[in-house]
Amino acid sequence: MEKIGQEINRLTGQDLSIDISSSTAKLRQLANSDIVQMLDPADTKALLGLADRLDANGGRMKLSIAEEMNQWLNSVLKDTTVPKSEAYKRGLMSLV
């Protein structure tokens, strides 16, 4: 995907990135909700940390990276062998 994206960018001059600021805003909203803060403050910290890392690139992400992230998130959400809290799963689902 990355090489294809680079080639398209080279040929068209288009920026193949997407705005993920609405996704990080949803993460922050969930993390700062009263229910998540009351039931599991660790989830608040984890979700805010994830939002911070995603925002590190100015709220934009290369399309190829976004697709890889989407595939990874789907595999994590489907994995039943690793326990995940409900709040954290909801945060990940907001990104998919």
Protein backbone atom coordinates (compact mmCIF):
# COMPACT_ATOMS: atom_id res chain seq x y z
CA MET A 1 0.00 0.00 0.00
CA GLU A 2 2.74 2.47 0.90
CA LYS A 3 4.52 2.08 -2.47
CA ILE A 4 1.24 2.38 -4.36
CA GLY A 5 0.40 5.51 -2.38
CA GLN A 6 3.81 7.02 -3.11
CA GLU A 7 3.43 6.32 -6.83
CA ILE A 8 -0.05 7.84 -6.99
CA ASN A 9 1.22 10.85 -5.07
CA ARG A 10 4.14 11.21 -7.47
CA LEU A 11 1.92 10.96 -10.55
CA THR A 12 -0.97 13.11 -9.36
CA GLY A 13 0.62 15.41 -6.83
CA GLN A 14 -2.29 14.66 -4.49
CA ASP A 15 -1.83 14.33 -0.76
CA LEU A 16 -2.98 10.83 0.08
CA SER A 17 -3.76 11.46 3.69
CA ILE A 18 -6.96 11.64 5.66
CA ASP A 19 -8.15 13.85 8.48
CA ILE A 20 -8.52 11.76 11.64
CA SER A 21 -9.35 14.62 13.98
CA SER A 22 -13.00 13.55 14.25
CA SER A 23 -11.86 10.07 15.34
CA THR A 24 -9.51 11.43 17.98
CA ALA A 25 -12.27 13.75 19.19
CA LYS A 26 -14.53 10.70 19.67
CA LEU A 27 -11.76 8.97 21.63
CA ARG A 28 -11.34 12.00 23.87
CA GLN A 29 -15.08 12.30 24.39
CA LEU A 30 -15.33 8.66 25.43
CA ALA A 31 -12.26 8.90 27.67
CA ASN A 32 -13.57 12.01 29.40
CA SER A 33 -17.08 10.65 29.91
CA ASP A 34 -18.17 10.40 33.51
CA ILE A 35 -18.88 6.70 33.23
CA VAL A 36 -15.43 5.73 31.92
CA GLN A 37 -13.66 7.97 34.41
CA MET A 38 -15.69 6.50 37.25
CA LEU A 39 -15.52 2.83 36.27
CA ASP A 40 -11.99 2.57 34.94
CA PRO A 41 -9.60 5.53 35.15
CA ALA A 42 -6.94 3.38 33.47
CA ASP A 43 -9.11 3.30 30.34
CA THR A 44 -9.33 7.08 30.45
CA LYS A 45 -5.55 7.28 30.45
CA ALA A 46 -5.18 4.64 27.70
CA LEU A 47 -7.75 6.27 25.41
CA LEU A 48 -6.31 9.76 25.89
CA GLY A 49 -2.81 8.42 25.20
CA LEU A 50 -4.03 6.80 21.99
CA ALA A 51 -5.70 10.05 20.91
CA ASP A 52 -2.48 11.97 21.66
CA ARG A 53 -0.41 9.56 19.57
CA LEU A 54 -2.84 9.80 16.67
CA ASP A 55 -2.87 13.61 16.90
CA ALA A 56 0.94 13.73 16.87
CA ASN A 57 0.89 14.13 13.06
CA GLY A 58 -1.38 17.15 13.11
CA GLY A 59 -4.58 15.14 12.93
CA ARG A 60 -3.70 13.61 9.55
CA MET A 61 -2.70 10.11 8.58
CA LYS A 62 -1.45 8.59 5.35
CA LEU A 63 -4.18 6.58 3.72
CA SER A 64 -1.98 3.47 3.54
CA ILE A 65 -1.22 3.70 7.28
CA ALA A 66 -4.92 4.21 8.03
CA GLU A 67 -5.78 1.05 6.11
CA GLU A 68 -3.11 -0.95 7.94
CA MET A 69 -4.36 0.44 11.25
CA ASN A 70 -7.94 -0.51 10.34
CA GLN A 71 -6.90 -4.10 9.59
CA TRP A 72 -4.92 -4.33 12.82
CA LEU A 73 -7.78 -2.89 14.89
CA ASN A 74 -10.23 -5.36 13.39
CA SER A 75 -7.93 -8.26 14.27
CA VAL A 76 -7.52 -6.98 17.84
CA LEU A 77 -11.28 -6.57 18.26
CA LYS A 78 -11.94 -10.08 16.96
CA ASP A 79 -9.30 -11.68 19.21
CA THR A 80 -11.07 -13.28 22.15
CA THR A 81 -7.90 -14.56 23.82
CA VAL A 82 -6.74 -11.16 25.05
CA PRO A 83 -9.09 -9.50 27.54
CA LYS A 84 -9.94 -5.90 26.78
CA SER A 85 -12.20 -3.57 28.72
CA GLU A 86 -15.48 -2.52 27.17
CA ALA A 87 -14.47 1.15 27.14
CA TYR A 88 -11.20 0.43 25.37
CA LYS A 89 -12.96 -1.76 22.78
CA ARG A 90 -15.46 1.05 22.17
CA GLY A 91 -12.57 3.44 21.65
CA LEU A 92 -10.95 1.13 19.13
CA MET A 93 -14.27 0.62 17.35
CA SER A 94 -14.60 4.39 16.91
CA LEU A 95 -11.41 4.27 14.84
CA VAL A 96 -12.45 1.44 12.54
